[in-house]
Amino acid sequence: MKRSLAALLLLPFAAACTDELDGQQRIGRADAWALSAASPSGPPVSCIDQSGIRGHAVRDARTVDFTMDDGTLLRNRLPFACPALLNGPRITYRTALPRLCSTDTLVLTTAGSDRSDVCGLGQFQPVVVPPQAASR
């Protein structure tokens, strides 16, 4: 109830610019590898150009990796856990600018539900994840 109310309170402040992220991935072995093996490849940034987002991967309840058109991987570590991320929701975002920033929120909607959860974003940290060795 509180999260739904928060979402309703945020809607008047959101601009008409809404985009849906594609590439949702389920949590699994590859996500565990990406979490443990990633290393920073540059300083964190507060905002990214939303038109450059190619896809995303939910790694755990606090971590979303955004893949950019140029192949850069930007890890966003949410300031608070967002268990709804683990339910494979549709992720949308609203922002007043053509950028997605650490002050913005993700709106999560699970198929078959009329409920939405809202989770705040953190900074975007460029990371490199080495290829995972093939399992034998």
N, C-alpha and C. Protein backbone atom coordinates (compact mmCIF):
# COMPACT_ATOMS: atom_id res chain seq x y z
N MET A 1 0.82 -1.19 0.00
CA MET A 1 0.00 0.00 0.00
C MET A 1 0.87 1.26 0.00
N LYS A 2 1.90 1.27 0.87
CA LYS A 2 2.76 2.44 0.95
C LYS A 2 3.50 2.67 -0.37
N ARG A 3 3.96 1.57 -0.99
CA ARG A 3 4.70 1.70 -2.25
C ARG A 3 3.78 2.20 -3.36
N SER A 4 2.54 1.70 -3.38
CA SER A 4 1.58 2.15 -4.39
C SER A 4 1.26 3.62 -4.20
N LEU A 5 1.12 4.03 -2.95
CA LEU A 5 0.85 5.44 -2.65
C LEU A 5 2.03 6.30 -3.09
N ALA A 6 3.24 5.81 -2.82
CA ALA A 6 4.43 6.55 -3.24
C ALA A 6 4.47 6.71 -4.75
N ALA A 7 4.11 5.65 -5.46
CA ALA A 7 4.08 5.73 -6.93
C ALA A 7 3.08 6.76 -7.40
N LEU A 8 1.92 6.80 -6.77
CA LEU A 8 0.90 7.78 -7.15
C LEU A 8 1.36 9.20 -6.86
N LEU A 9 2.07 9.38 -5.76
CA LEU A 9 2.55 10.71 -5.41
C LEU A 9 3.63 11.19 -6.37
N LEU A 10 4.40 10.26 -6.93
CA LEU A 10 5.48 10.63 -7.85
C LEU A 10 4.99 10.93 -9.26
N LEU A 11 3.84 10.38 -9.64
CA LEU A 11 3.36 10.53 -11.01
C LEU A 11 3.18 11.98 -11.45
N PRO A 12 2.63 12.87 -10.63
CA PRO A 12 2.48 14.24 -11.12
C PRO A 12 3.80 14.92 -11.44
N PHE A 13 4.89 14.46 -10.83
CA PHE A 13 6.19 15.09 -11.04
C PHE A 13 6.95 14.48 -12.21
N ALA A 14 6.45 13.39 -12.72
CA ALA A 14 7.12 12.72 -13.83
C ALA A 14 6.73 13.38 -15.15
N ALA A 15 7.68 13.47 -16.02
CA ALA A 15 7.40 14.06 -17.33
C ALA A 15 6.78 13.01 -18.23
N ALA A 16 6.38 13.42 -19.38
CA ALA A 16 5.77 12.51 -20.33
C ALA A 16 6.78 11.53 -20.92
N CYS A 17 8.04 11.74 -20.65
CA CYS A 17 9.09 10.89 -21.20
C CYS A 17 9.18 9.60 -20.40
N THR A 18 8.61 8.54 -20.91
CA THR A 18 8.62 7.23 -20.26
C THR A 18 9.19 6.24 -21.25
N ASP A 19 10.07 5.39 -20.77
CA ASP A 19 10.67 4.40 -21.64
C ASP A 19 10.63 3.07 -20.93
N GLU A 20 10.54 1.98 -21.67
CA GLU A 20 10.53 0.65 -21.10
C GLU A 20 11.84 -0.03 -21.42
N LEU A 21 12.42 -0.65 -20.39
CA LEU A 21 13.69 -1.32 -20.57
C LEU A 21 13.45 -2.75 -21.04
N ASP A 22 14.21 -3.19 -22.04
CA ASP A 22 14.12 -4.54 -22.55
C ASP A 22 15.29 -5.35 -22.02
N GLY A 23 15.24 -6.65 -22.23
CA GLY A 23 16.37 -7.51 -21.88
C GLY A 23 16.32 -8.03 -20.46
N GLN A 24 15.15 -8.10 -19.84
CA GLN A 24 15.04 -8.62 -18.48
C GLN A 24 15.60 -10.04 -18.42
N GLN A 25 16.45 -10.30 -17.45
CA GLN A 25 17.02 -11.62 -17.29
C GLN A 25 16.71 -12.13 -15.89
N ARG A 26 16.47 -13.42 -15.76
CA ARG A 26 16.22 -14.03 -14.47
C ARG A 26 17.54 -14.18 -13.70
N ILE A 27 17.44 -14.14 -12.38
CA ILE A 27 18.62 -14.31 -11.53
C ILE A 27 19.11 -15.75 -11.66
N GLY A 28 20.40 -15.94 -11.84
CA GLY A 28 20.93 -17.29 -11.99
C GLY A 28 22.44 -17.31 -11.85
N ARG A 29 23.04 -18.37 -12.35
CA ARG A 29 24.48 -18.57 -12.24
C ARG A 29 25.27 -17.44 -12.91
N ALA A 30 24.81 -17.00 -14.08
CA ALA A 30 25.51 -15.92 -14.78
C ALA A 30 25.46 -14.62 -13.98
N ASP A 31 24.34 -14.39 -13.28
CA ASP A 31 24.22 -13.18 -12.48
C ASP A 31 25.17 -13.23 -11.28
N ALA A 32 25.28 -14.40 -10.66
CA ALA A 32 26.20 -14.56 -9.53
C ALA A 32 27.64 -14.30 -9.99
N TRP A 33 27.97 -14.80 -11.19
CA TRP A 33 29.30 -14.57 -11.75
C TRP A 33 29.52 -13.07 -12.00
N ALA A 34 28.54 -12.44 -12.61
CA ALA A 34 28.68 -11.01 -12.93
C ALA A 34 28.84 -10.18 -11.66
N LEU A 35 28.18 -10.58 -10.59
CA LEU A 35 28.30 -9.84 -9.32
C LEU A 35 29.68 -10.03 -8.71
N SER A 36 30.19 -11.25 -8.72
CA SER A 36 31.45 -11.53 -8.04
C SER A 36 32.68 -11.15 -8.86
N ALA A 37 32.59 -11.22 -10.18
CA ALA A 37 33.77 -11.02 -11.03
C ALA A 37 33.92 -9.61 -11.59
N ALA A 38 32.90 -8.78 -11.45
CA ALA A 38 32.95 -7.42 -12.04
C ALA A 38 33.99 -6.56 -11.34
N SER A 39 34.63 -5.71 -12.12
CA SER A 39 35.56 -4.74 -11.55
C SER A 39 35.27 -3.37 -12.15
N PRO A 40 35.39 -2.31 -11.33
CA PRO A 40 35.14 -0.96 -11.84
C PRO A 40 36.08 -0.62 -12.99
N SER A 41 35.56 0.11 -13.98
CA SER A 41 36.40 0.49 -15.12
C SER A 41 36.41 1.99 -15.33
N GLY A 42 35.95 2.74 -14.35
CA GLY A 42 35.93 4.19 -14.43
C GLY A 42 35.16 4.75 -13.25
N PRO A 43 35.11 6.06 -13.15
CA PRO A 43 34.40 6.68 -12.03
C PRO A 43 32.88 6.57 -12.22
N PRO A 44 32.14 6.49 -11.11
CA PRO A 44 30.67 6.46 -11.22
C PRO A 44 30.15 7.78 -11.76
N VAL A 45 28.99 7.70 -12.42
CA VAL A 45 28.34 8.90 -12.94
C VAL A 45 26.91 8.95 -12.39
N SER A 46 26.38 10.15 -12.29
CA SER A 46 25.03 10.33 -11.73
C SER A 46 23.94 10.11 -12.76
N CYS A 47 24.21 10.38 -14.05
CA CYS A 47 23.18 10.30 -15.08
C CYS A 47 23.72 9.60 -16.33
N ILE A 48 22.80 8.94 -17.06
CA ILE A 48 23.14 8.35 -18.34
C ILE A 48 22.08 8.77 -19.36
N ASP A 49 22.46 8.79 -20.62
CA ASP A 49 21.55 9.15 -21.70
C ASP A 49 20.59 7.99 -21.93
N GLN A 50 19.30 8.21 -21.72
CA GLN A 50 18.35 7.10 -21.83
C GLN A 50 18.22 6.55 -23.24
N SER A 51 18.50 7.35 -24.25
CA SER A 51 18.42 6.85 -25.63
C SER A 51 19.55 5.87 -25.93
N GLY A 52 20.59 5.85 -25.11
CA GLY A 52 21.72 4.95 -25.32
C GLY A 52 21.59 3.62 -24.61
N ILE A 53 20.49 3.40 -23.87
CA ILE A 53 20.31 2.14 -23.15
C ILE A 53 19.83 1.07 -24.11
N ARG A 54 20.61 0.00 -24.24
CA ARG A 54 20.26 -1.12 -25.11
C ARG A 54 19.45 -2.17 -24.35
N GLY A 55 19.76 -2.36 -23.07
CA GLY A 55 19.07 -3.38 -22.27
C GLY A 55 19.53 -3.33 -20.84
N HIS A 56 19.02 -4.27 -20.06
CA HIS A 56 19.41 -4.35 -18.66
C HIS A 56 19.36 -5.78 -18.18
N ALA A 57 20.04 -6.03 -17.08
CA ALA A 57 20.00 -7.34 -16.42
C ALA A 57 19.91 -7.11 -14.93
N VAL A 58 18.90 -7.70 -14.30
CA VAL A 58 18.76 -7.64 -12.85
C VAL A 58 19.69 -8.70 -12.28
N ARG A 59 20.63 -8.29 -11.44
CA ARG A 59 21.61 -9.22 -10.88
C ARG A 59 21.18 -9.73 -9.51
N ASP A 60 20.58 -8.87 -8.70
CA ASP A 60 20.01 -9.25 -7.41
C ASP A 60 19.04 -8.16 -6.99
N ALA A 61 18.57 -8.18 -5.75
CA ALA A 61 17.54 -7.24 -5.31
C ALA A 61 18.03 -5.80 -5.18
N ARG A 62 19.34 -5.57 -5.36
CA ARG A 62 19.88 -4.21 -5.30
C ARG A 62 20.74 -3.84 -6.50
N THR A 63 20.87 -4.72 -7.47
CA THR A 63 21.82 -4.46 -8.56
C THR A 63 21.18 -4.67 -9.92
N VAL A 64 21.28 -3.62 -10.75
CA VAL A 64 20.81 -3.69 -12.13
C VAL A 64 21.96 -3.23 -13.02
N ASP A 65 22.32 -4.05 -14.00
CA ASP A 65 23.34 -3.68 -14.98
C ASP A 65 22.66 -3.17 -16.24
N PHE A 66 23.05 -1.99 -16.68
CA PHE A 66 22.53 -1.40 -17.91
C PHE A 66 23.58 -1.56 -18.99
N THR A 67 23.21 -2.12 -20.12
CA THR A 67 24.09 -2.24 -21.27
C THR A 67 23.77 -1.08 -22.21
N MET A 68 24.80 -0.35 -22.57
CA MET A 68 24.64 0.80 -23.44
C MET A 68 24.91 0.41 -24.89
N ASP A 69 24.46 1.23 -25.81
CA ASP A 69 24.64 0.96 -27.24
C ASP A 69 26.10 0.76 -27.63
N ASP A 70 27.02 1.43 -26.94
CA ASP A 70 28.43 1.29 -27.27
C ASP A 70 29.08 0.08 -26.59
N GLY A 71 28.27 -0.74 -25.90
CA GLY A 71 28.79 -1.94 -25.24
C GLY A 71 29.21 -1.73 -23.79
N THR A 72 29.24 -0.49 -23.33
CA THR A 72 29.59 -0.20 -21.95
C THR A 72 28.57 -0.83 -21.01
N LEU A 73 29.04 -1.37 -19.91
CA LEU A 73 28.18 -1.94 -18.88
C LEU A 73 28.22 -1.01 -17.68
N LEU A 74 27.06 -0.49 -17.30
CA LEU A 74 26.96 0.43 -16.17
C LEU A 74 26.15 -0.24 -15.07
N ARG A 75 26.78 -0.45 -13.93
CA ARG A 75 26.13 -1.11 -12.79
C ARG A 75 25.48 -0.05 -11.90
N ASN A 76 24.22 -0.27 -11.60
CA ASN A 76 23.51 0.61 -10.68
C ASN A 76 23.20 -0.19 -9.43
N ARG A 77 23.80 0.23 -8.34
CA ARG A 77 23.57 -0.40 -7.03
C ARG A 77 22.55 0.48 -6.31
N LEU A 78 21.32 -0.04 -6.19
CA LEU A 78 20.25 0.72 -5.57
C LEU A 78 20.58 0.98 -4.10
N PRO A 79 20.18 2.14 -3.57
CA PRO A 79 20.49 2.46 -2.18
C PRO A 79 19.80 1.54 -1.18
N PHE A 80 18.68 0.95 -1.58
CA PHE A 80 17.94 0.03 -0.71
C PHE A 80 17.54 -1.19 -1.52
N ALA A 81 17.44 -2.33 -0.84
CA ALA A 81 17.00 -3.55 -1.51
C ALA A 81 15.60 -3.36 -2.08
N CYS A 82 15.36 -3.95 -3.23
CA CYS A 82 14.08 -3.87 -3.92
C CYS A 82 13.68 -5.29 -4.31
N PRO A 83 13.10 -6.07 -3.37
CA PRO A 83 12.78 -7.46 -3.64
C PRO A 83 11.90 -7.67 -4.86
N ALA A 84 11.09 -6.70 -5.24
CA ALA A 84 10.23 -6.83 -6.41
C ALA A 84 11.03 -7.05 -7.69
N LEU A 85 12.30 -6.65 -7.71
CA LEU A 85 13.15 -6.88 -8.89
C LEU A 85 13.30 -8.37 -9.19
N LEU A 86 13.22 -9.20 -8.16
CA LEU A 86 13.44 -10.63 -8.32
C LEU A 86 12.24 -11.36 -8.90
N ASN A 87 11.11 -10.66 -9.05
CA ASN A 87 9.88 -11.27 -9.56
C ASN A 87 9.76 -11.16 -11.08
N GLY A 88 10.80 -10.72 -11.74
CA GLY A 88 10.76 -10.60 -13.20
C GLY A 88 9.76 -9.56 -13.68
N PRO A 89 9.76 -8.38 -13.06
CA PRO A 89 8.77 -7.37 -13.44
C PRO A 89 9.13 -6.67 -14.74
N ARG A 90 8.14 -5.99 -15.29
CA ARG A 90 8.39 -5.05 -16.38
C ARG A 90 8.94 -3.80 -15.70
N ILE A 91 10.02 -3.29 -16.22
CA ILE A 91 10.65 -2.12 -15.61
C ILE A 91 10.46 -0.92 -16.52
N THR A 92 9.91 0.14 -15.96
CA THR A 92 9.79 1.40 -16.68
C THR A 92 10.44 2.48 -15.83
N TYR A 93 10.70 3.59 -16.44
CA TYR A 93 11.22 4.72 -15.68
C TYR A 93 10.62 5.99 -16.24
N ARG A 94 10.56 6.97 -15.38
CA ARG A 94 10.06 8.28 -15.79
C ARG A 94 11.06 9.34 -15.35
N THR A 95 11.30 10.25 -16.23
CA THR A 95 12.25 11.31 -15.92
C THR A 95 11.86 12.56 -16.69
N ALA A 96 12.17 13.69 -16.12
CA ALA A 96 11.86 14.96 -16.77
C ALA A 96 12.88 15.33 -17.84
N LEU A 97 13.98 14.61 -17.88
CA LEU A 97 15.06 14.90 -18.81
C LEU A 97 15.29 13.71 -19.73
N PRO A 98 16.05 13.89 -20.80
CA PRO A 98 16.36 12.74 -21.66
C PRO A 98 17.46 11.86 -21.05
N ARG A 99 17.66 12.00 -19.75
CA ARG A 99 18.68 11.21 -19.05
C ARG A 99 18.02 10.45 -17.90
N LEU A 100 18.62 9.36 -17.52
CA LEU A 100 18.20 8.60 -16.35
C LEU A 100 19.24 8.88 -15.28
N CYS A 101 18.80 9.37 -14.13
CA CYS A 101 19.73 9.83 -13.09
C CYS A 101 19.52 9.10 -11.76
N SER A 102 20.50 9.24 -10.89
CA SER A 102 20.45 8.60 -9.58
C SER A 102 19.32 9.15 -8.72
N THR A 103 18.73 10.27 -9.12
CA THR A 103 17.60 10.83 -8.39
C THR A 103 16.26 10.31 -8.91
N ASP A 104 16.30 9.48 -9.98
CA ASP A 104 15.08 8.93 -10.58
C ASP A 104 14.73 7.58 -9.93
N THR A 105 13.57 7.07 -10.31
CA THR A 105 13.11 5.79 -9.78
C THR A 105 12.75 4.83 -10.90
N LEU A 106 12.84 3.55 -10.58
CA LEU A 106 12.33 2.50 -11.46
C LEU A 106 10.92 2.17 -10.99
N VAL A 107 10.01 1.96 -11.92
CA VAL A 107 8.66 1.54 -11.59
C VAL A 107 8.54 0.10 -12.07
N LEU A 108 8.24 -0.82 -11.14
CA LEU A 108 8.22 -2.25 -11.42
C LEU A 108 6.79 -2.76 -11.41
N THR A 109 6.39 -3.42 -12.50
CA THR A 109 5.05 -3.99 -12.60
C THR A 109 5.18 -5.46 -12.98
N THR A 110 4.61 -6.35 -12.18
CA THR A 110 4.65 -7.78 -12.45
C THR A 110 3.43 -8.16 -13.28
N ALA A 111 3.62 -9.02 -14.27
CA ALA A 111 2.52 -9.47 -15.13
C ALA A 111 1.39 -10.04 -14.29
N GLY A 112 0.18 -9.68 -14.64
CA GLY A 112 -1.00 -10.17 -13.94
C GLY A 112 -1.30 -9.44 -12.65
N SER A 113 -0.58 -8.39 -12.38
CA SER A 113 -0.80 -7.63 -11.15
C SER A 113 -1.07 -6.18 -11.50
N ASP A 114 -1.94 -5.54 -10.74
CA ASP A 114 -2.19 -4.12 -10.97
C ASP A 114 -1.37 -3.28 -10.00
N ARG A 115 -0.50 -3.92 -9.26
CA ARG A 115 0.33 -3.24 -8.27
C ARG A 115 1.68 -2.87 -8.87
N SER A 116 2.20 -1.73 -8.51
CA SER A 116 3.53 -1.31 -8.94
C SER A 116 4.39 -1.04 -7.71
N ASP A 117 5.65 -1.35 -7.82
CA ASP A 117 6.62 -1.02 -6.79
C ASP A 117 7.54 0.05 -7.37
N VAL A 118 8.03 0.92 -6.51
CA VAL A 118 8.93 1.99 -6.93
C VAL A 118 10.24 1.82 -6.18
N CYS A 119 11.36 1.83 -6.91
CA CYS A 119 12.67 1.66 -6.31
C CYS A 119 13.59 2.78 -6.79
N GLY A 120 14.27 3.42 -5.87
CA GLY A 120 15.19 4.50 -6.21
C GLY A 120 16.48 3.97 -6.81
N LEU A 121 17.06 4.74 -7.70
CA LEU A 121 18.33 4.39 -8.34
C LEU A 121 19.51 4.95 -7.56
N GLY A 122 20.67 4.35 -7.77
CA GLY A 122 21.93 4.87 -7.25
C GLY A 122 22.76 5.39 -8.42
N GLN A 123 24.04 5.58 -8.18
CA GLN A 123 24.92 6.04 -9.25
C GLN A 123 25.23 4.89 -10.22
N PHE A 124 25.65 5.25 -11.41
CA PHE A 124 25.96 4.29 -12.47
C PHE A 124 27.48 4.10 -12.52
N GLN A 125 27.92 2.90 -12.14
CA GLN A 125 29.34 2.59 -12.09
C GLN A 125 29.73 1.77 -13.32
N PRO A 126 30.63 2.30 -14.18
CA PRO A 126 31.10 1.47 -15.29
C PRO A 126 31.84 0.26 -14.73
N VAL A 127 31.53 -0.92 -15.25
CA VAL A 127 32.19 -2.15 -14.81
C VAL A 127 32.56 -2.99 -16.01
N VAL A 128 33.50 -3.88 -15.78
CA VAL A 128 33.90 -4.89 -16.76
C VAL A 128 33.70 -6.24 -16.10
N VAL A 129 33.01 -7.12 -16.82
CA VAL A 129 32.80 -8.49 -16.33
C VAL A 129 33.55 -9.42 -17.29
N PRO A 130 34.57 -10.13 -16.78
CA PRO A 130 35.30 -11.03 -17.67
C PRO A 130 34.41 -12.19 -18.10
N PRO A 131 34.70 -12.79 -19.26
CA PRO A 131 33.90 -13.93 -19.69
C PRO A 131 33.98 -15.06 -18.67
N GLN A 132 32.87 -15.73 -18.49
CA GLN A 132 32.81 -16.85 -17.55
C GLN A 132 33.35 -18.10 -18.23
N ALA A 133 34.21 -18.82 -17.54
CA ALA A 133 34.75 -20.07 -18.09
C ALA A 133 33.63 -21.07 -18.28
N ALA A 134 33.69 -21.82 -19.34
CA ALA A 134 32.64 -22.83 -19.63
C ALA A 134 32.64 -23.89 -18.53
N SER A 135 31.45 -24.30 -18.11
CA SER A 135 31.30 -25.35 -17.10
C SER A 135 31.63 -26.70 -17.72
N ARG A 136 32.23 -27.55 -16.92
CA ARG A 136 32.57 -28.89 -17.43
C ARG A 136 31.65 -29.91 -16.85
